[in-house]
Structure formats: structure tokens, C-alpha cells
Protein backbone atom coordinates (compact mmCIF):
# COMPACT_ATOMS: atom_id res chain seq x y z
CA MET A 1 -21.97 15.47 14.45
CA PHE A 2 -21.30 13.06 11.57
CA LEU A 3 -17.85 12.17 12.86
CA LEU A 4 -19.19 11.69 16.38
CA LEU A 5 -21.86 9.30 15.16
CA LEU A 6 -19.28 7.54 13.02
CA ALA A 7 -16.90 7.07 15.95
CA CYS A 8 -19.74 5.55 17.97
CA THR A 9 -20.63 3.23 15.11
CA GLU A 10 -17.02 2.08 14.73
CA SER A 11 -16.39 1.52 18.43
CA ALA A 12 -19.59 -0.48 18.81
CA ALA A 13 -18.13 -3.41 16.86
CA ARG A 14 -14.78 -3.83 18.59
CA GLU A 15 -12.26 -1.99 20.75
CA HIS A 16 -9.00 -0.76 19.26
CA VAL A 17 -5.91 -2.33 20.84
CA PRO A 18 -2.79 -0.10 20.77
CA GLU A 19 0.17 -1.48 18.82
CA GLU A 20 3.38 -2.41 20.62
CA GLY A 21 6.96 -1.72 19.53
CA VAL A 22 5.98 1.28 17.43
CA HIS A 23 8.25 4.24 16.64
CA PHE A 24 7.05 7.68 15.58
CA ALA A 25 8.50 10.34 13.30
CA GLN A 26 7.46 13.71 11.92
CA ILE A 27 6.94 12.99 8.23
CA ASN A 28 5.67 15.59 5.79
CA GLY A 29 3.87 17.51 8.54
CA LEU A 30 2.29 14.52 10.30
CA GLU A 31 3.32 12.22 13.12
CA LEU A 32 3.49 8.83 11.42
CA ALA A 33 4.15 5.44 13.00
CA TYR A 34 6.53 2.73 11.86
CA PHE A 35 8.29 -0.53 12.67
CA GLU A 36 12.04 -0.82 12.12
CA GLU A 37 14.13 -3.98 12.19
CA GLY A 38 17.54 -5.12 10.98
CA GLU A 39 20.65 -3.45 9.66
CA GLY A 40 22.03 -2.93 6.19
CA PRO A 41 20.69 -1.43 2.95
CA LEU A 42 17.24 0.07 3.45
CA VAL A 43 14.06 -1.59 2.23
CA LEU A 44 10.98 0.57 2.80
CA LEU A 45 7.79 -1.52 2.78
CA VAL A 46 4.63 0.48 2.10
CA HIS A 47 1.24 -1.13 2.68
CA GLY A 48 -2.05 -0.56 0.88
CA PHE A 49 -5.77 -0.83 1.63
CA PRO A 50 -7.13 -2.23 3.87
CA ASP A 51 -3.76 -3.32 5.23
CA THR A 52 -1.25 -2.17 7.82
CA PRO A 53 2.51 -2.86 8.13
CA HIS A 54 1.52 -6.30 9.39
CA THR A 55 0.83 -7.25 5.77
CA TRP A 56 4.64 -7.60 5.59
CA ASP A 57 4.96 -9.80 8.71
CA LEU A 58 5.99 -12.85 6.66
CA LEU A 59 8.43 -10.98 4.42
CA THR A 60 10.18 -8.90 7.08
CA PRO A 61 12.13 -11.62 8.94
CA VAL A 62 13.34 -13.03 5.62
CA LEU A 63 14.77 -9.65 4.62
CA VAL A 64 16.26 -8.99 8.07
CA ASP A 65 17.96 -12.40 8.09
CA ALA A 66 19.38 -11.61 4.64
CA GLY A 67 21.05 -8.46 5.97
CA TYR A 68 18.61 -5.65 5.22
CA ARG A 69 17.23 -2.78 7.27
CA VAL A 70 13.46 -3.03 7.01
CA VAL A 71 11.18 -0.09 7.80
CA ARG A 72 7.41 -0.52 7.67
CA PRO A 73 5.37 2.68 8.10
CA TRP A 74 1.66 3.07 8.64
CA LEU A 75 0.29 5.25 5.87
CA ARG A 76 -1.20 8.58 6.87
CA GLY A 77 -4.64 8.10 8.37
CA TYR A 78 -4.03 4.52 9.51
CA ALA A 79 -3.83 4.30 13.31
CA PRO A 80 -1.47 4.81 15.06
CA SER A 81 -0.31 7.25 12.35
CA ALA A 82 -1.97 10.66 12.41
CA ALA A 83 -4.51 11.71 9.82
CA PRO A 84 -4.50 14.97 7.88
CA SER A 85 -7.13 17.51 8.89
CA THR A 86 -8.57 17.41 5.38
CA ASP A 87 -8.73 14.64 2.76
CA ASP A 88 -5.11 15.22 1.80
CA TYR A 89 -4.46 11.77 0.35
CA GLU A 90 -3.66 12.62 -3.26
CA SER A 91 -1.04 10.48 -4.99
CA GLN A 92 1.41 13.37 -5.15
CA VAL A 93 1.22 13.82 -1.38
CA LEU A 94 1.61 10.08 -0.78
CA GLY A 95 4.80 10.13 -2.85
CA GLN A 96 6.06 13.06 -0.83
CA ASP A 97 5.48 11.00 2.32
CA VAL A 98 7.70 8.24 0.91
CA LEU A 99 10.43 10.73 0.04
CA ALA A 100 10.16 12.29 3.51
CA TRP A 101 10.62 8.84 5.04
CA LEU A 102 13.79 8.32 3.02
CA GLU A 103 15.14 11.68 4.13
CA TYR A 104 14.31 10.98 7.77
CA LEU A 105 15.84 7.50 7.80
CA GLU A 106 19.18 8.65 6.32
CA PRO A 107 19.85 5.31 4.60
CA GLU A 108 23.29 3.99 3.79
CA GLY A 109 23.76 2.03 0.60
CA ALA A 110 21.12 1.22 -1.98
CA VAL A 111 17.53 2.22 -1.26
CA THR A 112 14.64 -0.01 -2.30
CA VAL A 113 10.98 0.97 -2.01
CA LEU A 114 8.42 -1.83 -2.17
CA GLY A 115 4.77 -0.78 -2.24
CA HIS A 116 1.52 -2.72 -2.48
CA ASP A 117 -1.81 -1.30 -3.68
CA TRP A 118 -2.00 2.33 -2.44
CA GLY A 119 1.57 1.83 -1.25
CA ALA A 120 2.50 1.01 -4.85
CA SER A 121 0.81 4.20 -6.01
CA ALA A 122 2.81 6.12 -3.40
CA ALA A 123 6.01 4.40 -4.55
CA TYR A 124 5.41 5.26 -8.21
CA SER A 125 4.67 8.84 -7.18
CA ALA A 126 7.89 9.11 -5.17
CA ALA A 127 9.98 7.70 -8.02
CA LEU A 128 8.46 10.17 -10.47
CA GLN A 129 9.03 13.15 -8.17
CA ASP A 130 12.61 12.32 -7.14
CA PRO A 131 14.12 9.34 -8.98
CA GLY A 132 17.54 10.04 -7.48
CA ALA A 133 16.27 9.12 -4.01
CA ILE A 134 15.45 5.51 -4.95
CA ASP A 135 17.74 2.83 -6.39
CA ALA A 136 15.10 0.16 -6.99
CA LEU A 137 11.32 0.31 -7.24
CA ILE A 138 9.23 -2.78 -6.52
CA THR A 139 5.47 -2.54 -6.83
CA SER A 140 2.74 -5.08 -6.26
CA SER A 141 -0.74 -5.34 -7.72
CA ILE A 142 -0.81 -1.87 -9.32
CA PRO A 143 0.47 -0.97 -12.80
CA HIS A 144 2.01 2.42 -13.61
CA PRO A 145 -0.94 4.76 -12.79
CA GLY A 146 0.07 7.31 -15.42
CA TYR A 147 -0.16 4.88 -18.33
CA PHE A 148 -3.07 2.68 -17.35
CA VAL A 149 -6.27 3.53 -19.27
CA PRO A 150 -9.34 1.67 -17.93
CA LYS A 151 -11.90 0.34 -20.38
CA GLY A 152 -14.82 -2.08 -20.51
CA MET A 153 -14.97 -4.37 -17.47
CA ASP A 154 -12.24 -2.35 -15.75
CA PHE A 155 -14.85 0.20 -14.72
CA TRP A 156 -17.02 -2.51 -13.17
CA ASN A 157 -14.08 -4.15 -11.40
CA GLY A 158 -13.03 -0.76 -10.06
CA ARG A 159 -16.49 0.19 -8.80
CA HIS A 160 -15.21 0.18 -5.22
CA PHE A 161 -13.52 3.50 -5.99
CA VAL A 162 -17.01 4.97 -6.22
CA GLY A 163 -18.58 2.95 -3.42
CA LEU A 164 -15.85 3.60 -0.87
CA SER A 165 -15.85 7.33 -1.58
CA GLN A 166 -19.53 7.77 -0.68
CA LYS A 167 -20.66 9.54 2.50
CA ARG A 168 -22.20 6.44 4.06
CA ALA A 169 -19.33 4.10 3.10
CA PRO A 170 -17.76 4.11 6.60
CA GLN A 171 -21.00 2.98 8.27
CA ARG A 172 -21.44 0.17 5.75
CA PHE A 173 -17.82 -0.90 6.06
CA VAL A 174 -17.90 -1.45 9.85
CA ARG A 175 -21.02 -3.61 9.94
CA ASN A 176 -20.75 -7.19 11.20
CA ASP A 177 -17.32 -6.70 12.78
CA TYR A 178 -15.78 -4.78 9.89
CA ALA A 179 -16.98 -7.24 7.28
CA GLY A 180 -15.98 -4.66 4.68
CA VAL A 181 -12.39 -5.80 5.13
CA ASP A 182 -13.28 -9.44 4.46
CA LYS A 183 -15.48 -8.56 1.50
CA PHE A 184 -12.81 -6.42 -0.12
CA VAL A 185 -10.04 -9.00 0.29
CA SER A 186 -12.26 -11.87 -0.87
CA ARG A 187 -13.22 -10.00 -4.01
CA TRP A 188 -9.68 -9.10 -5.01
CA SER A 189 -8.04 -12.37 -3.92
CA PRO A 190 -10.86 -14.81 -4.71
CA GLU A 191 -8.80 -17.98 -4.17
CA TRP A 192 -7.29 -16.98 -0.80
CA ALA A 193 -8.79 -18.89 2.14
CA PHE A 194 -7.64 -16.30 4.66
CA SER A 195 -8.32 -16.64 8.39
CA ALA A 196 -9.82 -14.22 10.89
CA GLU A 197 -6.29 -13.78 12.28
CA ASP A 198 -5.06 -12.65 8.85
CA MET A 199 -7.52 -9.74 8.94
CA GLU A 200 -7.13 -8.87 12.63
CA ALA A 201 -4.48 -6.14 12.25
CA SER A 202 -6.48 -4.38 9.56
CA LYS A 203 -9.68 -4.45 11.59
CA ASN A 204 -7.84 -3.28 14.69
CA ALA A 205 -6.49 -0.24 12.84
CA MET A 206 -9.97 0.50 11.50
CA ALA A 207 -11.39 0.29 15.03
CA ALA A 208 -9.39 3.34 16.17
CA PRO A 209 -11.40 6.55 16.49
CA GLU A 210 -12.42 7.62 12.96
CA GLY A 211 -10.21 4.79 11.66
CA VAL A 212 -12.45 3.72 8.80
CA TYR A 213 -13.29 7.29 7.86
CA ASN A 214 -9.58 8.14 7.59
CA ALA A 215 -8.64 4.99 5.65
CA LEU A 216 -11.41 5.65 3.14
CA GLY A 217 -10.04 9.16 2.66
CA TYR A 218 -7.82 7.72 -0.08
CA TYR A 219 -10.91 6.91 -2.12
CA ARG A 220 -12.57 10.25 -1.44
CA ALA A 221 -9.40 11.98 -2.66
CA ALA A 222 -9.17 9.71 -5.71
CA ALA A 223 -12.73 10.58 -6.72
CA GLY A 224 -11.59 14.09 -7.63
CA GLY A 225 -7.91 13.40 -8.23
CA ASP A 226 -5.89 14.10 -11.35
CA LEU A 227 -3.22 11.59 -12.39
CA ALA A 228 -2.17 13.45 -15.53
CA TRP A 229 1.05 14.57 -13.85
CA MET A 230 2.03 10.90 -13.43
CA HIS A 231 2.08 10.33 -17.19
CA ALA A 232 5.86 10.33 -17.27
CA PRO A 233 8.53 7.64 -17.53
CA VAL A 234 9.87 6.07 -14.35
CA GLN A 235 13.61 6.67 -14.23
CA VAL A 236 14.24 3.93 -11.64
CA PRO A 237 14.68 0.18 -12.35
CA THR A 238 11.26 -1.30 -11.68
CA TRP A 239 9.91 -4.74 -10.89
CA THR A 240 6.15 -5.29 -10.63
CA PHE A 241 4.38 -8.27 -9.06
CA ALA A 242 1.03 -9.41 -10.42
CA GLY A 243 -1.24 -12.14 -9.09
CA ASP A 244 -2.62 -14.66 -11.55
CA SER A 245 -6.12 -14.52 -9.99
CA ASP A 246 -6.24 -10.77 -9.36
CA LEU A 247 -8.97 -8.70 -10.99
CA LEU A 248 -6.14 -6.82 -12.71
CA PRO A 249 -5.15 -9.49 -15.25
CA VAL A 250 -1.75 -10.06 -16.80
CA PRO A 251 -0.76 -8.94 -19.38
CA THR A 252 -3.66 -6.55 -19.97
CA PHE A 253 -2.80 -4.25 -17.07
CA TYR A 254 0.96 -4.61 -17.01
CA ALA A 255 1.96 -4.50 -20.69
CA MET A 256 3.30 -0.95 -20.72
CA PRO A 257 4.70 1.12 -23.59
CA GLU A 258 8.46 1.16 -23.71
CA GLU A 259 8.65 4.83 -22.77
CA ALA A 260 6.84 4.22 -19.44
CA PHE A 261 9.98 2.78 -17.84
CA ALA A 262 13.25 4.36 -18.85
CA ALA A 263 15.50 2.28 -16.59
CA GLY A 264 14.10 -1.23 -17.03
CA TYR A 265 10.84 -2.97 -16.21
CA GLU A 266 10.00 -6.57 -15.35
CA VAL A 267 6.65 -8.14 -14.49
CA ILE A 268 6.72 -11.10 -12.11
CA GLU A 269 3.54 -13.17 -12.05
CA LEU A 270 2.85 -15.23 -8.93
CA GLU A 271 0.08 -17.53 -7.79
CA GLY A 272 -2.56 -15.55 -5.95
CA GLY A 273 -4.71 -12.49 -6.28
CA HIS A 274 -4.31 -8.88 -5.28
CA PHE A 275 -2.70 -9.96 -2.00
CA MET A 276 -0.36 -12.53 -3.50
CA HIS A 277 2.45 -11.48 -1.13
CA GLN A 278 0.42 -13.10 1.66
CA GLU A 279 -1.01 -15.93 -0.43
CA SER A 280 2.38 -17.06 -1.83
CA PRO A 281 4.75 -15.67 0.82
CA GLU A 282 7.71 -17.95 0.11
CA ALA A 283 7.70 -17.35 -3.64
CA PHE A 284 7.20 -13.63 -3.10
CA ALA A 285 10.09 -13.40 -0.60
CA ALA A 286 12.41 -15.41 -2.85
CA ALA A 287 11.68 -13.12 -5.80
CA VAL A 288 12.20 -9.97 -3.70
CA LEU A 289 15.53 -11.30 -2.42
CA GLU A 290 16.64 -12.01 -5.98
CA ILE A 291 15.83 -8.42 -6.94
CA LEU A 292 17.66 -7.03 -3.92
CA GLU A 293 20.74 -9.08 -4.79
CA GLN A 294 20.79 -7.42 -8.21
CA VAL A 295 20.43 -3.97 -6.68
CA ASN A 296 22.96 -4.42 -3.90
């Protein structure tokens, strides 16, 4: 009954519009959706919350023009990807999804995984579980989850982990045409004057049946999750992007002990907040291309 009421609440605000040009693959037991463009060494772009693969719309053509094969999946639970029957969104499972993508895609040449937010968590997880599958790890807006220890204001800044995991969170999130998306992005990228069009893809994915409920499954899983297994060094060369107006400040969140990254670690600070890849797209793309040139 709860899910039925939730679906009615979600659909009342807007109608979900099916995506075009989407491919599907069986990945780690689920049918997941993805975009694929270009040829060359593989770059897997993994989105976060409340995003979709469209968060990489500005970066993708730059990479394709530079000679890379770009694959952009929808994370599990984000329409049109399928959702697990239970809240199976733990970081270990998300990393297994990334590794399953790499196995499915059968890449030639160097493999780079670039993840933002929850996509960064998935990328770290994949690198820790099978470092031999990835040649370069690029993360954005999330430090190494196994070495970050929150304290003081960090708990207040991260209060959305509690709020979004609550039973009534989906109903609150969809109000006023999915204003939860706008509120979340505004809070974490406070200097970004984004447009309604910038948020359209995210809201469209949320408008799918049970879309918000599934997307918030990541927070429900995190509420009882255990990251102790991630307290291990990353054995893959790693570059991490951090926004200068994000609520995760540099260097507090990104100054890691030497043992956290066994194969090299560089922090790249850009103008913008949590979503700096959309706020400073040209600088972000130029920095990613420079990294890819080193790897390839």
C-alpha cells in the first residue's frame, strides 16, 4: 500500500518521459541502462545523486572528440535501469556493478573509471575489490570513504544522510515539482545559478514509478552500512576533484594519510561546489583530458 500511495504521489507532479538512444545490459543480476559513444580507450562515467548520465552531457563530446569510448550507465534504481527487489545499494555492491560493467564492455587499452558522489563511492569500491581491472581512478566530490572520519560540523553538513533515509523522505522530496532536487543541489553547490533545464533529467528519472523511492535507497542502505572493509589502500593511480565552495572543504576532507593511496594520489581543486563538473565544465574537461593523456 505504501508503494502504491508513493507512486501516486510521484506521478501527480509530472509524467516520466522515456529516454531515447538507451542501451541495456544484464549487469550484476539487474537490467541496467547506459549510453555509449565514441571509440578508443574506455572511460566509464558513473553519476551520483540526484543525477543521471546526463550530468556528463558537457564532458562526453569532449572525450569522444579526443578519441575515447565513453560509457555512461544509470546506477541501479535510477530509471530506466532496474531496481533491486530489496535495498541492495551497499557500497560493496555498487563496486561490483562497476566491475561487472567493465567485464561486459570488454574494453581494449587502458580503462579509466570516473565517478561523482555515489558514483565516486562505487568507483572507490571497485578499485578496492579488483584493482587490476582499472588503470586510472578519477573521483569527484567524495574523499576515500575508508579513511574519512567525520567530526564536528561534518555531522551537521551530512544530515541529509539521516533525512533522506526516513520513511516519509520520498513524499517530501517530490513536493512542488521535485523541489528536493533543487534544494539538494543548491545546498551542496551554493554558488551555482543552475536552470530548470539543468535539473530536468534528474526530475524526469525521479518521476518514473517508484523513482524517488529507489534513488533514496542508497541512503536507506547507508544508514545501516559498514564501511570498515573499505579501510584499505587504493592500488590504482587516483585523481580526486574537489570544489572550492563544496561543503566538503579542501584540504580537510582530502588530505589523506600516505598509506591510503599506494599508487599515487592528486587532488585537483576547481571553482564550484559539489557539482563543479557542471559549474566549471571547461576546466573540468581540460583536467580530465590531461589525466587521460598520462594514462594512455
